[in-house]
């Protein structure tokens, strides 16, 4: 409960304009569709091909009001150096002190990542680590679910190039065509 209260305080300070608040996480996308259910006319059978493919990994910073997304898309695996590079790039764009809510994934607790925290703090970027087993407190998880289960069209799963194009279209249109409201 203490963590929820502390996070609520950060959210209120962000709304008051005292600092910016972002949520960070990674998500993977591949040709294995994420379709929980579908509707089709009676007697018609809709099928979605499923195949193994490369994975597109998106690392993203989503602001608290859900209107601004700073995504980084990579093919293949993600390691600490990749995440560090994203945080370095993000910290160079800051306009005011910024807190980033982040989970305790092994890459985030690695010694190489942890050693960068003082340098980011010098740039007014502060990390707030979520308690274990609390993905519900990381609002960017809602974005990943929305993309996978609602915004990616069925045709995105027909070819890797199509998935890449459709995903990048969604990420590029976030805040305009695609929105999230946490209120």
N, C-alpha and C. Protein backbone atom coordinates (compact mmCIF):
# COMPACT_ATOMS: atom_id res chain seq x y z
N UNK A 1 0.82 -1.20 0.00
CA UNK A 1 0.00 0.00 0.00
C UNK A 1 0.86 1.26 0.00
N UNK A 2 1.98 1.25 0.69
CA UNK A 2 2.85 2.41 0.75
C UNK A 2 3.31 2.81 -0.65
N UNK A 3 3.61 1.81 -1.48
CA UNK A 3 4.08 2.09 -2.84
C UNK A 3 2.99 2.80 -3.66
N UNK A 4 1.75 2.37 -3.48
CA UNK A 4 0.66 3.01 -4.21
C UNK A 4 0.51 4.47 -3.79
N UNK A 5 0.67 4.74 -2.50
CA UNK A 5 0.57 6.12 -2.01
C UNK A 5 1.73 6.97 -2.53
N UNK A 6 2.93 6.41 -2.53
CA UNK A 6 4.08 7.16 -3.05
C UNK A 6 3.92 7.44 -4.54
N UNK A 7 3.43 6.47 -5.28
CA UNK A 7 3.21 6.66 -6.71
C UNK A 7 2.11 7.69 -6.93
N UNK A 8 1.06 7.66 -6.14
CA UNK A 8 -0.01 8.65 -6.25
C UNK A 8 0.53 10.05 -5.99
N UNK A 9 1.44 10.19 -5.03
CA UNK A 9 2.07 11.49 -4.77
C UNK A 9 2.85 11.97 -5.98
N UNK A 10 3.61 11.07 -6.61
CA UNK A 10 4.35 11.44 -7.83
C UNK A 10 3.39 11.88 -8.94
N UNK A 11 2.27 11.19 -9.05
CA UNK A 11 1.29 11.54 -10.07
C UNK A 11 0.70 12.93 -9.81
N UNK A 12 0.40 13.23 -8.55
CA UNK A 12 -0.15 14.54 -8.21
C UNK A 12 0.86 15.65 -8.46
N UNK A 13 2.12 15.41 -8.13
CA UNK A 13 3.17 16.40 -8.38
C UNK A 13 3.33 16.63 -9.88
N UNK A 14 3.18 15.57 -10.67
CA UNK A 14 3.26 15.70 -12.12
C UNK A 14 2.10 16.53 -12.66
N UNK A 15 0.90 16.26 -12.16
CA UNK A 15 -0.27 17.04 -12.59
C UNK A 15 -0.13 18.51 -12.23
N UNK A 16 0.55 18.78 -11.11
CA UNK A 16 0.76 20.16 -10.67
C UNK A 16 1.88 20.84 -11.45
N UNK A 17 2.55 20.10 -12.33
CA UNK A 17 3.59 20.68 -13.15
C UNK A 17 4.95 20.78 -12.48
N UNK A 18 5.11 20.14 -11.33
CA UNK A 18 6.38 20.22 -10.61
C UNK A 18 7.47 19.40 -11.29
N UNK A 19 7.09 18.34 -11.95
CA UNK A 19 8.04 17.50 -12.68
C UNK A 19 7.25 16.65 -13.67
N UNK A 20 7.96 15.99 -14.56
CA UNK A 20 7.31 15.07 -15.48
C UNK A 20 7.39 13.66 -14.92
N UNK A 21 6.39 12.86 -15.22
CA UNK A 21 6.33 11.47 -14.78
C UNK A 21 6.11 10.59 -16.00
N UNK A 22 6.99 9.61 -16.18
CA UNK A 22 6.90 8.67 -17.29
C UNK A 22 6.92 7.25 -16.75
N UNK A 23 6.38 6.33 -17.55
CA UNK A 23 6.40 4.91 -17.26
C UNK A 23 7.20 4.24 -18.36
N UNK A 24 8.11 3.34 -17.97
CA UNK A 24 8.98 2.67 -18.94
C UNK A 24 8.78 1.17 -18.88
N UNK A 25 8.81 0.55 -20.06
CA UNK A 25 8.79 -0.91 -20.12
C UNK A 25 9.09 -1.34 -21.55
N UNK A 26 9.31 -2.63 -21.70
CA UNK A 26 9.57 -3.24 -23.00
C UNK A 26 8.41 -4.17 -23.36
N UNK A 27 8.19 -4.33 -24.67
CA UNK A 27 7.19 -5.28 -25.15
C UNK A 27 7.70 -5.90 -26.44
N UNK A 28 7.36 -7.18 -26.64
CA UNK A 28 7.77 -7.88 -27.85
C UNK A 28 6.58 -8.16 -28.75
N UNK A 29 6.83 -8.08 -30.06
CA UNK A 29 5.79 -8.32 -31.07
C UNK A 29 6.36 -9.28 -32.11
N UNK A 30 5.59 -10.30 -32.46
CA UNK A 30 6.02 -11.26 -33.47
C UNK A 30 4.81 -11.72 -34.27
N UNK A 31 5.03 -12.66 -35.19
CA UNK A 31 3.93 -13.15 -36.02
C UNK A 31 3.01 -14.13 -35.30
N UNK A 32 3.26 -14.39 -34.04
CA UNK A 32 2.32 -15.15 -33.24
C UNK A 32 1.27 -14.15 -32.78
N UNK A 33 0.06 -14.22 -33.33
CA UNK A 33 -0.93 -13.19 -33.04
C UNK A 33 -1.37 -13.17 -31.58
N UNK A 34 -1.69 -11.99 -31.12
CA UNK A 34 -2.24 -11.80 -29.77
C UNK A 34 -3.71 -11.46 -29.92
N UNK A 35 -4.51 -12.46 -30.16
CA UNK A 35 -5.93 -12.26 -30.38
C UNK A 35 -6.68 -13.10 -29.35
N UNK A 36 -7.27 -12.46 -28.34
CA UNK A 36 -7.96 -13.23 -27.31
C UNK A 36 -9.26 -13.85 -27.79
N UNK A 37 -9.97 -13.19 -28.73
CA UNK A 37 -11.20 -13.72 -29.29
C UNK A 37 -11.51 -12.93 -30.56
N UNK A 38 -12.40 -13.46 -31.37
CA UNK A 38 -12.80 -12.76 -32.58
C UNK A 38 -14.23 -13.13 -32.93
N UNK A 39 -14.89 -12.27 -33.69
CA UNK A 39 -16.25 -12.52 -34.15
C UNK A 39 -16.22 -12.74 -35.65
N UNK A 40 -17.04 -13.66 -36.10
CA UNK A 40 -17.20 -13.86 -37.52
C UNK A 40 -18.64 -14.32 -37.77
N UNK A 41 -19.12 -14.14 -39.01
CA UNK A 41 -20.49 -14.58 -39.31
C UNK A 41 -20.65 -16.08 -39.10
N UNK A 42 -21.86 -16.51 -38.77
CA UNK A 42 -22.15 -17.93 -38.58
C UNK A 42 -21.82 -18.66 -39.87
N UNK A 43 -21.11 -19.77 -39.72
CA UNK A 43 -20.74 -20.58 -40.86
C UNK A 43 -19.45 -20.16 -41.54
N UNK A 44 -18.93 -19.01 -41.19
CA UNK A 44 -17.67 -18.55 -41.78
C UNK A 44 -16.55 -18.76 -40.77
N UNK A 45 -15.45 -19.25 -41.25
CA UNK A 45 -14.33 -19.52 -40.37
C UNK A 45 -13.17 -18.59 -40.75
N UNK A 46 -12.82 -17.70 -39.84
CA UNK A 46 -11.69 -16.81 -40.06
C UNK A 46 -10.47 -17.42 -39.38
N UNK A 47 -9.39 -17.46 -40.11
CA UNK A 47 -8.16 -18.01 -39.56
C UNK A 47 -7.05 -16.99 -39.66
N UNK A 48 -6.22 -16.99 -38.66
CA UNK A 48 -5.06 -16.12 -38.66
C UNK A 48 -3.84 -17.01 -38.69
N UNK A 49 -3.00 -16.84 -39.70
CA UNK A 49 -1.79 -17.67 -39.75
C UNK A 49 -0.88 -17.31 -38.58
N UNK A 50 -0.24 -18.30 -38.07
CA UNK A 50 0.71 -18.09 -36.98
C UNK A 50 2.02 -18.75 -37.37
N UNK A 51 3.07 -18.02 -37.24
CA UNK A 51 4.36 -18.58 -37.61
C UNK A 51 5.45 -17.97 -36.75
N UNK A 52 6.57 -18.67 -36.70
CA UNK A 52 7.70 -18.13 -35.98
C UNK A 52 8.31 -17.03 -36.82
N UNK A 53 8.81 -16.01 -36.14
CA UNK A 53 9.42 -14.90 -36.86
C UNK A 53 10.41 -14.21 -35.94
N UNK A 54 11.10 -13.28 -36.54
CA UNK A 54 11.92 -12.41 -35.72
C UNK A 54 10.97 -11.68 -34.77
N UNK A 55 11.53 -11.12 -33.72
CA UNK A 55 10.71 -10.36 -32.80
C UNK A 55 11.07 -8.90 -32.88
N UNK A 56 10.05 -8.06 -32.92
CA UNK A 56 10.23 -6.62 -32.79
C UNK A 56 10.07 -6.29 -31.32
N UNK A 57 11.06 -5.65 -30.75
CA UNK A 57 10.98 -5.23 -29.36
C UNK A 57 10.84 -3.73 -29.31
N UNK A 58 9.88 -3.28 -28.52
CA UNK A 58 9.66 -1.85 -28.35
C UNK A 58 9.97 -1.49 -26.91
N UNK A 59 10.85 -0.53 -26.73
CA UNK A 59 11.12 0.05 -25.43
C UNK A 59 10.46 1.41 -25.46
N UNK A 60 9.68 1.71 -24.44
CA UNK A 60 8.92 2.95 -24.50
C UNK A 60 8.85 3.70 -23.19
N UNK A 61 8.78 5.01 -23.32
CA UNK A 61 8.55 5.93 -22.21
C UNK A 61 7.20 6.59 -22.47
N UNK A 62 6.23 6.35 -21.60
CA UNK A 62 4.88 6.90 -21.74
C UNK A 62 4.64 7.88 -20.60
N UNK A 63 4.24 9.13 -20.94
CA UNK A 63 4.03 10.09 -19.87
C UNK A 63 2.72 9.82 -19.13
N UNK A 64 2.62 10.39 -17.94
CA UNK A 64 1.52 10.08 -17.04
C UNK A 64 0.16 10.44 -17.63
N UNK A 65 0.07 11.50 -18.42
CA UNK A 65 -1.25 11.82 -18.96
C UNK A 65 -1.60 10.94 -20.16
N UNK A 66 -0.69 10.04 -20.55
CA UNK A 66 -0.98 9.08 -21.61
C UNK A 66 -1.02 9.69 -23.00
N UNK A 67 -0.47 10.88 -23.17
CA UNK A 67 -0.54 11.55 -24.46
C UNK A 67 0.79 11.59 -25.21
N UNK A 68 1.86 11.27 -24.53
CA UNK A 68 3.17 11.34 -25.19
C UNK A 68 3.91 10.02 -25.00
N UNK A 69 4.39 9.48 -26.12
CA UNK A 69 5.13 8.23 -26.11
C UNK A 69 6.46 8.46 -26.81
N UNK A 70 7.53 8.00 -26.18
CA UNK A 70 8.86 8.05 -26.79
C UNK A 70 9.30 6.59 -26.98
N UNK A 71 9.03 6.02 -28.18
CA UNK A 71 9.33 4.60 -28.41
C UNK A 71 10.67 4.39 -29.11
N UNK A 72 11.26 3.23 -28.84
CA UNK A 72 12.50 2.79 -29.49
C UNK A 72 12.25 1.36 -29.95
N UNK A 73 12.36 1.09 -31.26
CA UNK A 73 12.04 -0.22 -31.82
C UNK A 73 13.33 -0.91 -32.25
N UNK A 74 13.45 -2.18 -31.87
CA UNK A 74 14.63 -2.98 -32.19
C UNK A 74 14.21 -4.35 -32.69
N UNK A 75 14.97 -4.90 -33.60
CA UNK A 75 14.79 -6.29 -34.00
C UNK A 75 15.70 -7.14 -33.13
N UNK A 76 15.20 -8.28 -32.69
CA UNK A 76 16.01 -9.19 -31.90
C UNK A 76 16.06 -8.84 -30.43
N UNK A 77 17.06 -9.40 -29.77
CA UNK A 77 17.16 -9.31 -28.33
C UNK A 77 17.51 -7.93 -27.79
N UNK A 78 17.16 -7.75 -26.53
CA UNK A 78 17.43 -6.51 -25.82
C UNK A 78 18.33 -6.86 -24.64
N UNK A 79 19.39 -6.07 -24.45
CA UNK A 79 20.25 -6.27 -23.30
C UNK A 79 20.44 -4.94 -22.57
N UNK A 80 21.23 -4.95 -21.53
CA UNK A 80 21.42 -3.74 -20.71
C UNK A 80 21.96 -2.58 -21.54
N UNK A 81 22.88 -2.85 -22.47
CA UNK A 81 23.44 -1.75 -23.25
C UNK A 81 22.37 -1.09 -24.13
N UNK A 82 21.41 -1.87 -24.62
CA UNK A 82 20.31 -1.31 -25.41
C UNK A 82 19.44 -0.41 -24.56
N UNK A 83 19.09 -0.88 -23.37
CA UNK A 83 18.24 -0.11 -22.47
C UNK A 83 18.97 1.16 -22.02
N UNK A 84 20.24 1.04 -21.73
CA UNK A 84 21.04 2.20 -21.33
C UNK A 84 21.05 3.24 -22.45
N UNK A 85 21.22 2.80 -23.69
CA UNK A 85 21.22 3.73 -24.82
C UNK A 85 19.89 4.47 -24.93
N UNK A 86 18.79 3.76 -24.69
CA UNK A 86 17.47 4.41 -24.73
C UNK A 86 17.34 5.45 -23.61
N UNK A 87 17.78 5.10 -22.42
CA UNK A 87 17.71 6.06 -21.31
C UNK A 87 18.63 7.25 -21.56
N UNK A 88 19.79 7.02 -22.15
CA UNK A 88 20.68 8.13 -22.49
C UNK A 88 20.00 9.07 -23.48
N UNK A 89 19.39 8.51 -24.52
CA UNK A 89 18.71 9.33 -25.53
C UNK A 89 17.54 10.08 -24.89
N UNK A 90 16.76 9.40 -24.08
CA UNK A 90 15.60 10.02 -23.43
C UNK A 90 16.05 11.14 -22.50
N UNK A 91 17.10 10.91 -21.72
CA UNK A 91 17.56 11.93 -20.76
C UNK A 91 18.04 13.19 -21.46
N UNK A 92 18.46 13.08 -22.71
CA UNK A 92 18.90 14.25 -23.46
C UNK A 92 17.76 15.12 -23.95
N UNK A 93 16.52 14.65 -23.84
CA UNK A 93 15.35 15.38 -24.33
C UNK A 93 14.58 16.09 -23.22
N UNK A 94 14.99 15.92 -21.98
CA UNK A 94 14.18 16.40 -20.85
C UNK A 94 14.14 17.91 -20.77
N UNK A 95 12.97 18.43 -20.43
CA UNK A 95 12.76 19.86 -20.26
C UNK A 95 12.75 20.26 -18.79
N UNK A 96 12.42 19.32 -17.91
CA UNK A 96 12.38 19.58 -16.47
C UNK A 96 12.64 18.28 -15.74
N UNK A 97 12.81 18.32 -14.43
CA UNK A 97 13.05 17.07 -13.69
C UNK A 97 11.98 16.03 -14.03
N UNK A 98 12.45 14.80 -14.23
CA UNK A 98 11.57 13.73 -14.69
C UNK A 98 11.82 12.46 -13.88
N UNK A 99 10.73 11.84 -13.45
CA UNK A 99 10.79 10.56 -12.77
C UNK A 99 10.27 9.50 -13.73
N UNK A 100 10.99 8.39 -13.82
CA UNK A 100 10.56 7.28 -14.66
C UNK A 100 10.26 6.09 -13.76
N UNK A 101 9.03 5.59 -13.86
CA UNK A 101 8.60 4.40 -13.13
C UNK A 101 9.06 3.20 -13.95
N UNK A 102 9.74 2.27 -13.29
CA UNK A 102 10.37 1.15 -13.98
C UNK A 102 10.26 -0.11 -13.12
N UNK A 103 10.15 -1.27 -13.77
CA UNK A 103 10.07 -2.51 -13.00
C UNK A 103 11.47 -3.05 -12.68
N UNK A 104 11.51 -4.17 -12.04
CA UNK A 104 12.78 -4.76 -11.58
C UNK A 104 13.24 -5.89 -12.49
N UNK A 105 13.05 -5.75 -13.78
CA UNK A 105 13.54 -6.76 -14.72
C UNK A 105 15.05 -6.88 -14.56
N UNK A 106 15.61 -8.06 -14.81
CA UNK A 106 17.05 -8.25 -14.63
C UNK A 106 17.91 -7.22 -15.35
N UNK A 107 17.50 -6.80 -16.53
CA UNK A 107 18.29 -5.80 -17.27
C UNK A 107 18.30 -4.46 -16.53
N UNK A 108 17.21 -4.16 -15.78
CA UNK A 108 17.13 -2.90 -15.03
C UNK A 108 17.90 -2.94 -13.73
N UNK A 109 18.15 -4.12 -13.24
CA UNK A 109 18.89 -4.25 -11.97
C UNK A 109 20.33 -4.69 -12.21
N UNK A 110 20.72 -4.79 -13.48
CA UNK A 110 22.10 -5.18 -13.79
C UNK A 110 23.08 -4.12 -13.31
N UNK A 111 24.29 -4.52 -13.04
CA UNK A 111 25.29 -3.57 -12.53
C UNK A 111 25.59 -2.48 -13.56
N UNK A 112 25.59 -2.81 -14.85
CA UNK A 112 25.87 -1.79 -15.86
C UNK A 112 24.76 -0.74 -15.91
N UNK A 113 23.51 -1.17 -15.79
CA UNK A 113 22.39 -0.22 -15.78
C UNK A 113 22.43 0.62 -14.50
N UNK A 114 22.59 -0.05 -13.37
CA UNK A 114 22.62 0.65 -12.08
C UNK A 114 23.75 1.68 -12.01
N UNK A 115 24.87 1.38 -12.64
CA UNK A 115 26.01 2.30 -12.59
C UNK A 115 25.73 3.61 -13.34
N UNK A 116 24.72 3.62 -14.21
CA UNK A 116 24.38 4.81 -14.98
C UNK A 116 23.44 5.76 -14.24
N UNK A 117 22.82 5.30 -13.18
CA UNK A 117 21.82 6.11 -12.48
C UNK A 117 22.38 7.45 -12.03
N UNK A 118 23.57 7.54 -11.44
CA UNK A 118 24.08 8.87 -11.05
C UNK A 118 24.22 9.84 -12.23
N UNK A 119 24.62 9.33 -13.38
CA UNK A 119 24.74 10.21 -14.56
C UNK A 119 23.38 10.71 -15.02
N UNK A 120 22.37 9.86 -14.96
CA UNK A 120 21.03 10.30 -15.35
C UNK A 120 20.47 11.29 -14.34
N UNK A 121 20.75 11.07 -13.07
CA UNK A 121 20.28 12.01 -12.05
C UNK A 121 20.90 13.39 -12.25
N UNK A 122 22.13 13.45 -12.74
CA UNK A 122 22.75 14.74 -13.05
C UNK A 122 22.00 15.47 -14.16
N UNK A 123 21.29 14.71 -14.99
CA UNK A 123 20.48 15.27 -16.08
C UNK A 123 19.01 15.42 -15.66
N UNK A 124 18.74 15.31 -14.35
CA UNK A 124 17.39 15.42 -13.78
C UNK A 124 16.46 14.28 -14.19
N UNK A 125 17.03 13.11 -14.41
CA UNK A 125 16.24 11.90 -14.67
C UNK A 125 16.37 10.99 -13.46
N UNK A 126 15.25 10.71 -12.81
CA UNK A 126 15.24 9.89 -11.59
C UNK A 126 14.40 8.64 -11.83
N UNK A 127 14.82 7.53 -11.28
CA UNK A 127 14.11 6.26 -11.44
C UNK A 127 13.35 5.94 -10.16
N UNK A 128 12.14 5.41 -10.34
CA UNK A 128 11.34 4.94 -9.23
C UNK A 128 11.00 3.49 -9.54
N UNK A 129 11.64 2.57 -8.81
CA UNK A 129 11.47 1.15 -9.07
C UNK A 129 10.19 0.63 -8.41
N UNK A 130 9.40 -0.06 -9.19
CA UNK A 130 8.17 -0.66 -8.68
C UNK A 130 8.49 -1.81 -7.73
N UNK A 131 7.61 -2.05 -6.78
CA UNK A 131 7.79 -3.24 -5.95
C UNK A 131 7.59 -4.49 -6.81
N UNK A 132 8.16 -5.59 -6.38
CA UNK A 132 8.02 -6.86 -7.12
C UNK A 132 6.56 -7.23 -7.29
N UNK A 133 6.27 -7.89 -8.38
CA UNK A 133 4.93 -8.43 -8.67
C UNK A 133 3.85 -7.36 -8.66
N UNK A 134 4.13 -6.21 -9.27
CA UNK A 134 3.10 -5.17 -9.32
C UNK A 134 3.04 -4.50 -10.69
N UNK A 135 2.89 -5.30 -11.75
CA UNK A 135 2.81 -4.70 -13.08
C UNK A 135 1.60 -3.79 -13.25
N UNK A 136 0.58 -3.97 -12.39
CA UNK A 136 -0.61 -3.13 -12.47
C UNK A 136 -0.31 -1.66 -12.17
N UNK A 137 0.83 -1.38 -11.53
CA UNK A 137 1.20 0.00 -11.23
C UNK A 137 1.96 0.67 -12.38
N UNK A 138 2.34 -0.11 -13.38
CA UNK A 138 3.08 0.43 -14.52
C UNK A 138 2.09 0.68 -15.66
N UNK A 139 1.68 1.94 -15.83
CA UNK A 139 0.62 2.27 -16.77
C UNK A 139 0.96 1.95 -18.23
N UNK A 140 2.24 1.84 -18.57
CA UNK A 140 2.58 1.54 -19.96
C UNK A 140 2.14 0.13 -20.34
N UNK A 141 1.91 -0.73 -19.35
CA UNK A 141 1.40 -2.07 -19.64
C UNK A 141 0.04 -1.99 -20.34
N UNK A 142 -0.74 -0.97 -20.02
CA UNK A 142 -2.04 -0.78 -20.68
C UNK A 142 -1.83 -0.48 -22.15
N UNK A 143 -0.80 0.32 -22.46
CA UNK A 143 -0.49 0.64 -23.85
C UNK A 143 -0.14 -0.62 -24.63
N UNK A 144 0.75 -1.46 -24.07
CA UNK A 144 1.14 -2.68 -24.79
C UNK A 144 -0.08 -3.55 -25.06
N UNK A 145 -0.96 -3.70 -24.08
CA UNK A 145 -2.17 -4.52 -24.28
C UNK A 145 -3.07 -3.92 -25.34
N UNK A 146 -3.22 -2.60 -25.31
CA UNK A 146 -4.07 -1.94 -26.30
C UNK A 146 -3.54 -2.16 -27.71
N UNK A 147 -2.21 -2.04 -27.87
CA UNK A 147 -1.63 -2.26 -29.20
C UNK A 147 -1.84 -3.69 -29.63
N UNK A 148 -1.52 -4.64 -28.77
CA UNK A 148 -1.59 -6.06 -29.16
C UNK A 148 -3.01 -6.55 -29.39
N UNK A 149 -3.95 -6.14 -28.53
CA UNK A 149 -5.28 -6.72 -28.57
C UNK A 149 -6.33 -5.88 -29.28
N UNK A 150 -6.03 -4.60 -29.54
CA UNK A 150 -7.05 -3.75 -30.14
C UNK A 150 -6.59 -3.00 -31.39
N UNK A 151 -5.40 -2.47 -31.39
CA UNK A 151 -4.99 -1.57 -32.46
C UNK A 151 -4.30 -2.26 -33.63
N UNK A 152 -3.55 -3.32 -33.38
CA UNK A 152 -2.91 -4.02 -34.49
C UNK A 152 -3.97 -4.76 -35.31
N UNK A 153 -4.06 -4.47 -36.60
CA UNK A 153 -5.07 -5.17 -37.41
C UNK A 153 -4.65 -6.61 -37.66
N UNK A 154 -5.62 -7.42 -38.00
CA UNK A 154 -5.34 -8.84 -38.28
C UNK A 154 -4.33 -9.00 -39.40
N UNK A 155 -4.36 -8.10 -40.38
CA UNK A 155 -3.43 -8.21 -41.51
C UNK A 155 -1.98 -8.02 -41.07
N UNK A 156 -1.75 -7.47 -39.90
CA UNK A 156 -0.38 -7.26 -39.42
C UNK A 156 0.36 -8.58 -39.25
N UNK A 157 -0.37 -9.66 -39.07
CA UNK A 157 0.24 -10.96 -38.80
C UNK A 157 0.50 -11.79 -40.06
N UNK A 158 0.31 -11.19 -41.23
CA UNK A 158 0.51 -11.95 -42.46
C UNK A 158 1.97 -12.05 -42.87
N UNK A 159 2.79 -11.07 -42.49
CA UNK A 159 4.21 -11.08 -42.84
C UNK A 159 4.96 -10.18 -41.86
N UNK A 160 6.20 -10.50 -41.64
CA UNK A 160 7.02 -9.72 -40.70
C UNK A 160 7.08 -8.25 -41.11
N UNK A 161 7.23 -7.99 -42.40
CA UNK A 161 7.31 -6.62 -42.90
C UNK A 161 6.01 -5.86 -42.62
N UNK A 162 4.89 -6.57 -42.74
CA UNK A 162 3.59 -5.96 -42.46
C UNK A 162 3.46 -5.64 -40.99
N UNK A 163 3.89 -6.57 -40.14
CA UNK A 163 3.87 -6.33 -38.70
C UNK A 163 4.71 -5.10 -38.35
N UNK A 164 5.90 -5.04 -38.90
CA UNK A 164 6.80 -3.91 -38.66
C UNK A 164 6.13 -2.60 -39.09
N UNK A 165 5.57 -2.58 -40.29
CA UNK A 165 4.94 -1.37 -40.83
C UNK A 165 3.74 -0.95 -39.97
N UNK A 166 2.87 -1.89 -39.63
CA UNK A 166 1.67 -1.58 -38.85
C UNK A 166 2.03 -1.11 -37.43
N UNK A 167 2.99 -1.78 -36.82
CA UNK A 167 3.41 -1.39 -35.47
C UNK A 167 4.02 0.01 -35.48
N UNK A 168 4.89 0.27 -36.42
CA UNK A 168 5.52 1.60 -36.51
C UNK A 168 4.49 2.68 -36.83
N UNK A 169 3.46 2.34 -37.60
CA UNK A 169 2.38 3.28 -37.89
C UNK A 169 1.64 3.64 -36.61
N UNK A 170 1.34 2.65 -35.79
CA UNK A 170 0.65 2.90 -34.53
C UNK A 170 1.52 3.75 -33.61
N UNK A 171 2.78 3.37 -33.48
CA UNK A 171 3.68 4.13 -32.60
C UNK A 171 3.84 5.57 -33.08
N UNK A 172 3.91 5.75 -34.40
CA UNK A 172 4.07 7.09 -34.96
C UNK A 172 2.81 7.94 -34.86
N UNK A 173 1.66 7.30 -34.76
CA UNK A 173 0.39 8.03 -34.66
C UNK A 173 -0.11 8.14 -33.23
N UNK A 174 0.68 7.67 -32.28
CA UNK A 174 0.22 7.72 -30.89
C UNK A 174 0.10 9.18 -30.45
N UNK A 175 -0.99 9.46 -29.76
CA UNK A 175 -1.25 10.81 -29.30
C UNK A 175 -2.15 11.58 -30.27
N UNK A 176 -2.22 11.10 -31.50
CA UNK A 176 -3.10 11.71 -32.50
C UNK A 176 -4.24 10.75 -32.81
N UNK A 177 -3.94 9.72 -33.62
CA UNK A 177 -4.96 8.74 -33.97
C UNK A 177 -5.20 7.73 -32.85
N UNK A 178 -4.13 7.35 -32.17
CA UNK A 178 -4.23 6.37 -31.08
C UNK A 178 -3.96 7.07 -29.76
N UNK A 179 -4.90 6.92 -28.82
CA UNK A 179 -4.80 7.60 -27.52
C UNK A 179 -5.18 6.67 -26.38
N UNK A 180 -4.69 7.05 -25.21
CA UNK A 180 -5.07 6.37 -23.98
C UNK A 180 -5.46 7.46 -22.98
N UNK A 181 -6.54 7.22 -22.25
CA UNK A 181 -6.97 8.14 -21.22
C UNK A 181 -7.01 7.38 -19.91
N UNK A 182 -6.16 7.77 -18.97
CA UNK A 182 -6.09 7.08 -17.68
C UNK A 182 -7.09 7.60 -16.68
N UNK A 183 -7.85 8.62 -17.03
CA UNK A 183 -8.80 9.22 -16.09
C UNK A 183 -9.96 8.30 -15.81
